[in-house]
Amino acid sequence: MLSREELTKEYIKIIDSYYPVVAKLMRRCLIKIIELNATRTQPKQRIYYLVIYYPEKIGDRLLQQQDVFRDAAENMGLAEVIFINANRLIKDPLSKLKQQDFRFWLELCWLANE
């Protein structure tokens, strides 16, 4: 089984190879694969989701291409693609991201202010 980092690299490679226009947008995003348990009755079954954190500036153009992202993710066996606006996430007053994962929060700040 591939690690999440390897899956992410493979996904980026596929987008770069087959969708060069979309790849330009994706280079301005932060991409992560998260893993969740499928059900409580089958704890060994994992579901992988692709999360794309994007700056607000490119949100409209990126979301117009969401079918491309979803098709590539489905072909790799990922459950779903989730798009998250980095600007909104770091400005959310209820978010505990800064306290829980400060390094990731800094990456999102860098991405949002790019």
N, C-alpha and C. Protein backbone atom coordinates (compact mmCIF):
# COMPACT_ATOMS: atom_id res chain seq x y z
N MET A 1 0.84 -1.18 0.00
CA MET A 1 0.00 0.00 0.00
C MET A 1 0.88 1.24 0.00
N LEU A 2 0.52 2.19 -0.81
CA LEU A 2 1.27 3.44 -0.89
C LEU A 2 0.97 4.32 0.32
N SER A 3 1.96 5.10 0.73
CA SER A 3 1.73 6.04 1.82
C SER A 3 0.93 7.23 1.28
N ARG A 4 0.43 8.04 2.18
CA ARG A 4 -0.35 9.21 1.75
C ARG A 4 0.50 10.18 0.95
N GLU A 5 1.78 10.33 1.32
CA GLU A 5 2.67 11.23 0.59
C GLU A 5 2.91 10.71 -0.83
N GLU A 6 3.08 9.40 -0.96
CA GLU A 6 3.29 8.82 -2.28
C GLU A 6 2.03 8.95 -3.14
N LEU A 7 0.86 8.76 -2.53
CA LEU A 7 -0.39 8.95 -3.26
C LEU A 7 -0.53 10.39 -3.74
N THR A 8 -0.16 11.33 -2.89
CA THR A 8 -0.23 12.74 -3.26
C THR A 8 0.69 13.03 -4.44
N LYS A 9 1.92 12.54 -4.38
CA LYS A 9 2.87 12.75 -5.47
C LYS A 9 2.37 12.12 -6.77
N GLU A 10 1.80 10.95 -6.67
CA GLU A 10 1.27 10.26 -7.86
C GLU A 10 0.10 11.05 -8.45
N TYR A 11 -0.75 11.58 -7.61
CA TYR A 11 -1.88 12.38 -8.08
C TYR A 11 -1.38 13.62 -8.81
N ILE A 12 -0.41 14.30 -8.23
CA ILE A 12 0.15 15.50 -8.85
C ILE A 12 0.78 15.15 -10.19
N LYS A 13 1.47 14.03 -10.25
CA LYS A 13 2.10 13.59 -11.50
C LYS A 13 1.05 13.34 -12.59
N ILE A 14 -0.06 12.73 -12.22
CA ILE A 14 -1.13 12.46 -13.19
C ILE A 14 -1.72 13.76 -13.71
N ILE A 15 -2.00 14.69 -12.82
CA ILE A 15 -2.55 15.99 -13.24
C ILE A 15 -1.55 16.71 -14.13
N ASP A 16 -0.27 16.72 -13.77
CA ASP A 16 0.75 17.37 -14.59
C ASP A 16 0.82 16.76 -15.98
N SER A 17 0.71 15.46 -16.07
CA SER A 17 0.85 14.76 -17.35
C SER A 17 -0.34 14.98 -18.28
N TYR A 18 -1.55 14.88 -17.74
CA TYR A 18 -2.73 14.86 -18.59
C TYR A 18 -3.50 16.18 -18.64
N TYR A 19 -3.32 17.04 -17.66
CA TYR A 19 -4.08 18.29 -17.60
C TYR A 19 -3.14 19.46 -17.28
N PRO A 20 -2.32 19.91 -18.24
CA PRO A 20 -1.32 20.95 -17.94
C PRO A 20 -1.92 22.29 -17.51
N VAL A 21 -3.10 22.64 -18.03
CA VAL A 21 -3.72 23.91 -17.63
C VAL A 21 -4.16 23.85 -16.17
N VAL A 22 -4.74 22.74 -15.78
CA VAL A 22 -5.17 22.55 -14.40
C VAL A 22 -3.96 22.45 -13.48
N ALA A 23 -2.87 21.87 -13.99
CA ALA A 23 -1.66 21.73 -13.18
C ALA A 23 -1.10 23.09 -12.77
N LYS A 24 -1.24 24.09 -13.63
CA LYS A 24 -0.77 25.44 -13.28
C LYS A 24 -1.53 25.99 -12.08
N LEU A 25 -2.83 25.75 -12.04
CA LEU A 25 -3.63 26.18 -10.89
C LEU A 25 -3.25 25.39 -9.64
N MET A 26 -3.05 24.11 -9.83
CA MET A 26 -2.77 23.22 -8.70
C MET A 26 -1.44 23.56 -8.02
N ARG A 27 -0.50 24.11 -8.77
CA ARG A 27 0.81 24.46 -8.19
C ARG A 27 0.69 25.55 -7.13
N ARG A 28 -0.40 26.28 -7.16
CA ARG A 28 -0.61 27.35 -6.18
C ARG A 28 -1.43 26.87 -4.98
N CYS A 29 -1.65 25.56 -4.90
CA CYS A 29 -2.47 24.98 -3.84
C CYS A 29 -1.63 24.06 -2.95
N LEU A 30 -2.19 23.73 -1.82
CA LEU A 30 -1.61 22.75 -0.92
C LEU A 30 -2.50 21.51 -0.98
N ILE A 31 -1.89 20.37 -1.27
CA ILE A 31 -2.67 19.15 -1.47
C ILE A 31 -2.28 18.13 -0.42
N LYS A 32 -3.30 17.55 0.21
CA LYS A 32 -3.07 16.52 1.22
C LYS A 32 -4.08 15.40 1.02
N ILE A 33 -3.69 14.22 1.42
CA ILE A 33 -4.61 13.09 1.43
C ILE A 33 -4.85 12.73 2.88
N ILE A 34 -6.13 12.69 3.25
CA ILE A 34 -6.48 12.31 4.61
C ILE A 34 -7.12 10.93 4.58
N GLU A 35 -6.99 10.23 5.67
CA GLU A 35 -7.43 8.85 5.77
C GLU A 35 -8.43 8.73 6.91
N LEU A 36 -9.56 8.12 6.63
CA LEU A 36 -10.59 7.93 7.65
C LEU A 36 -11.01 6.47 7.69
N ASN A 37 -11.43 6.02 8.84
CA ASN A 37 -12.00 4.67 8.94
C ASN A 37 -13.34 4.66 8.24
N ALA A 38 -13.61 3.58 7.52
CA ALA A 38 -14.85 3.49 6.76
C ALA A 38 -16.06 3.42 7.68
N THR A 39 -16.06 2.45 8.58
CA THR A 39 -17.18 2.30 9.51
C THR A 39 -16.64 1.77 10.83
N ARG A 40 -17.46 1.82 11.80
CA ARG A 40 -17.05 1.27 13.10
C ARG A 40 -17.02 -0.24 13.08
N THR A 41 -17.84 -0.84 12.22
CA THR A 41 -17.88 -2.30 12.15
C THR A 41 -16.72 -2.88 11.35
N GLN A 42 -16.12 -2.07 10.46
CA GLN A 42 -14.99 -2.52 9.66
C GLN A 42 -13.82 -1.56 9.87
N PRO A 43 -13.17 -1.61 11.02
CA PRO A 43 -12.12 -0.63 11.31
C PRO A 43 -10.89 -0.74 10.42
N LYS A 44 -10.68 -1.88 9.78
CA LYS A 44 -9.50 -2.03 8.93
C LYS A 44 -9.68 -1.39 7.56
N GLN A 45 -10.91 -1.13 7.17
CA GLN A 45 -11.15 -0.52 5.87
C GLN A 45 -10.95 0.98 5.99
N ARG A 46 -10.11 1.52 5.14
CA ARG A 46 -9.80 2.95 5.16
C ARG A 46 -10.35 3.62 3.91
N ILE A 47 -10.77 4.86 4.06
CA ILE A 47 -11.21 5.67 2.93
C ILE A 47 -10.28 6.86 2.85
N TYR A 48 -9.80 7.14 1.64
CA TYR A 48 -8.88 8.24 1.42
C TYR A 48 -9.59 9.38 0.70
N TYR A 49 -9.40 10.58 1.21
CA TYR A 49 -9.96 11.78 0.61
C TYR A 49 -8.81 12.69 0.20
N LEU A 50 -8.97 13.35 -0.92
CA LEU A 50 -8.00 14.33 -1.37
C LEU A 50 -8.51 15.71 -0.96
N VAL A 51 -7.69 16.46 -0.25
CA VAL A 51 -8.07 17.79 0.20
C VAL A 51 -7.18 18.79 -0.52
N ILE A 52 -7.81 19.77 -1.16
CA ILE A 52 -7.08 20.82 -1.87
C ILE A 52 -7.36 22.13 -1.15
N TYR A 53 -6.33 22.68 -0.53
CA TYR A 53 -6.41 23.99 0.11
C TYR A 53 -5.95 25.01 -0.93
N TYR A 54 -6.77 26.01 -1.18
CA TYR A 54 -6.45 26.96 -2.25
C TYR A 54 -6.58 28.40 -1.75
N PRO A 55 -5.80 29.32 -2.35
CA PRO A 55 -5.95 30.73 -2.00
C PRO A 55 -7.22 31.30 -2.65
N GLU A 56 -7.80 32.27 -2.01
CA GLU A 56 -9.06 32.84 -2.48
C GLU A 56 -8.96 33.41 -3.89
N LYS A 57 -7.78 33.88 -4.26
CA LYS A 57 -7.57 34.51 -5.57
C LYS A 57 -7.90 33.58 -6.73
N ILE A 58 -7.62 32.31 -6.58
CA ILE A 58 -7.83 31.37 -7.69
C ILE A 58 -9.04 30.47 -7.49
N GLY A 59 -9.83 30.76 -6.49
CA GLY A 59 -10.96 29.89 -6.15
C GLY A 59 -11.92 29.65 -7.29
N ASP A 60 -12.34 30.70 -8.00
CA ASP A 60 -13.30 30.54 -9.08
C ASP A 60 -12.75 29.67 -10.21
N ARG A 61 -11.52 29.97 -10.62
CA ARG A 61 -10.91 29.19 -11.71
C ARG A 61 -10.69 27.74 -11.31
N LEU A 62 -10.29 27.53 -10.06
CA LEU A 62 -10.04 26.17 -9.58
C LEU A 62 -11.34 25.36 -9.51
N LEU A 63 -12.38 25.97 -8.99
CA LEU A 63 -13.65 25.26 -8.84
C LEU A 63 -14.32 24.96 -10.18
N GLN A 64 -13.99 25.74 -11.22
CA GLN A 64 -14.49 25.43 -12.56
C GLN A 64 -13.90 24.12 -13.09
N GLN A 65 -12.74 23.74 -12.57
CA GLN A 65 -12.06 22.53 -13.02
C GLN A 65 -12.25 21.35 -12.07
N GLN A 66 -13.20 21.45 -11.16
CA GLN A 66 -13.33 20.41 -10.14
C GLN A 66 -13.66 19.04 -10.71
N ASP A 67 -14.30 18.98 -11.86
CA ASP A 67 -14.57 17.67 -12.48
C ASP A 67 -13.29 16.95 -12.86
N VAL A 68 -12.31 17.70 -13.33
CA VAL A 68 -11.01 17.11 -13.68
C VAL A 68 -10.35 16.53 -12.45
N PHE A 69 -10.36 17.28 -11.36
CA PHE A 69 -9.77 16.80 -10.11
C PHE A 69 -10.48 15.54 -9.61
N ARG A 70 -11.80 15.55 -9.69
CA ARG A 70 -12.57 14.40 -9.20
C ARG A 70 -12.37 13.16 -10.06
N ASP A 71 -12.31 13.34 -11.38
CA ASP A 71 -12.08 12.19 -12.27
C ASP A 71 -10.74 11.53 -11.99
N ALA A 72 -9.71 12.36 -11.84
CA ALA A 72 -8.37 11.81 -11.57
C ALA A 72 -8.35 11.11 -10.21
N ALA A 73 -9.02 11.68 -9.23
CA ALA A 73 -9.06 11.07 -7.89
C ALA A 73 -9.81 9.74 -7.91
N GLU A 74 -10.92 9.70 -8.63
CA GLU A 74 -11.69 8.45 -8.72
C GLU A 74 -10.86 7.35 -9.39
N ASN A 75 -10.11 7.72 -10.42
CA ASN A 75 -9.28 6.74 -11.12
C ASN A 75 -8.18 6.19 -10.23
N MET A 76 -7.80 6.93 -9.20
CA MET A 76 -6.78 6.46 -8.26
C MET A 76 -7.39 5.73 -7.07
N GLY A 77 -8.71 5.68 -6.99
CA GLY A 77 -9.36 4.99 -5.89
C GLY A 77 -9.61 5.86 -4.68
N LEU A 78 -9.51 7.17 -4.83
CA LEU A 78 -9.80 8.08 -3.72
C LEU A 78 -11.31 8.33 -3.66
N ALA A 79 -11.83 8.49 -2.48
CA ALA A 79 -13.28 8.59 -2.30
C ALA A 79 -13.84 9.91 -2.81
N GLU A 80 -13.19 11.02 -2.52
CA GLU A 80 -13.75 12.32 -2.85
C GLU A 80 -12.65 13.36 -2.83
N VAL A 81 -12.91 14.48 -3.52
CA VAL A 81 -12.02 15.64 -3.49
C VAL A 81 -12.74 16.72 -2.71
N ILE A 82 -12.05 17.29 -1.74
CA ILE A 82 -12.62 18.34 -0.90
C ILE A 82 -11.82 19.61 -1.15
N PHE A 83 -12.51 20.70 -1.47
CA PHE A 83 -11.87 21.98 -1.73
C PHE A 83 -12.09 22.88 -0.52
N ILE A 84 -11.00 23.44 0.02
CA ILE A 84 -11.09 24.30 1.20
C ILE A 84 -10.36 25.61 0.91
N ASN A 85 -11.05 26.71 1.12
CA ASN A 85 -10.49 28.04 0.94
C ASN A 85 -9.55 28.33 2.12
N ALA A 86 -8.27 28.47 1.85
CA ALA A 86 -7.28 28.68 2.91
C ALA A 86 -7.50 30.01 3.63
N ASN A 87 -7.90 31.04 2.90
CA ASN A 87 -8.13 32.34 3.52
C ASN A 87 -9.23 32.27 4.58
N ARG A 88 -10.31 31.59 4.25
CA ARG A 88 -11.42 31.46 5.20
C ARG A 88 -11.03 30.61 6.40
N LEU A 89 -10.26 29.57 6.15
CA LEU A 89 -9.88 28.67 7.23
C LEU A 89 -8.99 29.36 8.27
N ILE A 90 -8.03 30.15 7.81
CA ILE A 90 -7.13 30.79 8.78
C ILE A 90 -7.80 31.96 9.50
N LYS A 91 -8.85 32.53 8.90
CA LYS A 91 -9.55 33.65 9.54
C LYS A 91 -10.74 33.21 10.38
N ASP A 92 -11.04 31.94 10.37
CA ASP A 92 -12.18 31.41 11.12
C ASP A 92 -11.92 31.55 12.62
N PRO A 93 -12.74 32.33 13.34
CA PRO A 93 -12.49 32.54 14.77
C PRO A 93 -12.70 31.27 15.62
N LEU A 94 -13.45 30.32 15.12
CA LEU A 94 -13.70 29.09 15.88
C LEU A 94 -12.68 27.99 15.60
N SER A 95 -11.82 28.23 14.63
CA SER A 95 -10.84 27.20 14.27
C SER A 95 -9.77 27.06 15.35
N LYS A 96 -9.43 25.83 15.67
CA LYS A 96 -8.37 25.54 16.63
C LYS A 96 -7.12 25.03 15.92
N LEU A 97 -7.07 25.25 14.63
CA LEU A 97 -5.96 24.76 13.82
C LEU A 97 -4.63 25.34 14.27
N LYS A 98 -4.63 26.61 14.62
CA LYS A 98 -3.38 27.26 15.03
C LYS A 98 -2.81 26.60 16.29
N GLN A 99 -3.66 26.20 17.22
CA GLN A 99 -3.19 25.56 18.44
C GLN A 99 -2.85 24.09 18.21
N GLN A 100 -3.58 23.42 17.34
CA GLN A 100 -3.38 21.98 17.15
C GLN A 100 -2.22 21.65 16.22
N ASP A 101 -2.05 22.44 15.17
CA ASP A 101 -0.98 22.17 14.19
C ASP A 101 -0.45 23.49 13.67
N PHE A 102 0.42 24.11 14.45
CA PHE A 102 0.91 25.44 14.13
C PHE A 102 1.65 25.48 12.81
N ARG A 103 2.43 24.48 12.53
CA ARG A 103 3.20 24.45 11.28
C ARG A 103 2.27 24.43 10.06
N PHE A 104 1.24 23.61 10.11
CA PHE A 104 0.28 23.56 9.01
C PHE A 104 -0.45 24.89 8.88
N TRP A 105 -0.80 25.51 10.00
CA TRP A 105 -1.45 26.81 9.99
C TRP A 105 -0.55 27.85 9.31
N LEU A 106 0.75 27.80 9.58
CA LEU A 106 1.68 28.72 8.92
C LEU A 106 1.74 28.47 7.41
N GLU A 107 1.71 27.21 7.01
CA GLU A 107 1.69 26.89 5.58
C GLU A 107 0.45 27.47 4.92
N LEU A 108 -0.69 27.38 5.60
CA LEU A 108 -1.92 27.95 5.05
C LEU A 108 -1.85 29.47 4.98
N CYS A 109 -1.23 30.09 5.97
CA CYS A 109 -1.05 31.55 5.94
C CYS A 109 -0.20 31.96 4.75
N TRP A 110 0.88 31.23 4.53
CA TRP A 110 1.75 31.51 3.39
C TRP A 110 0.97 31.35 2.09
N LEU A 111 0.19 30.29 1.99
CA LEU A 111 -0.60 30.03 0.79
C LEU A 111 -1.63 31.13 0.57
N ALA A 112 -2.31 31.55 1.61
CA ALA A 112 -3.37 32.56 1.50
C ALA A 112 -2.82 33.92 1.12
N ASN A 113 -1.61 34.23 1.53
CA ASN A 113 -1.03 35.55 1.27
C ASN A 113 -0.10 35.57 0.07
N GLU A 114 -0.11 34.52 -0.68
CA GLU A 114 0.77 34.42 -1.85
C GLU A 114 0.37 35.39 -2.91
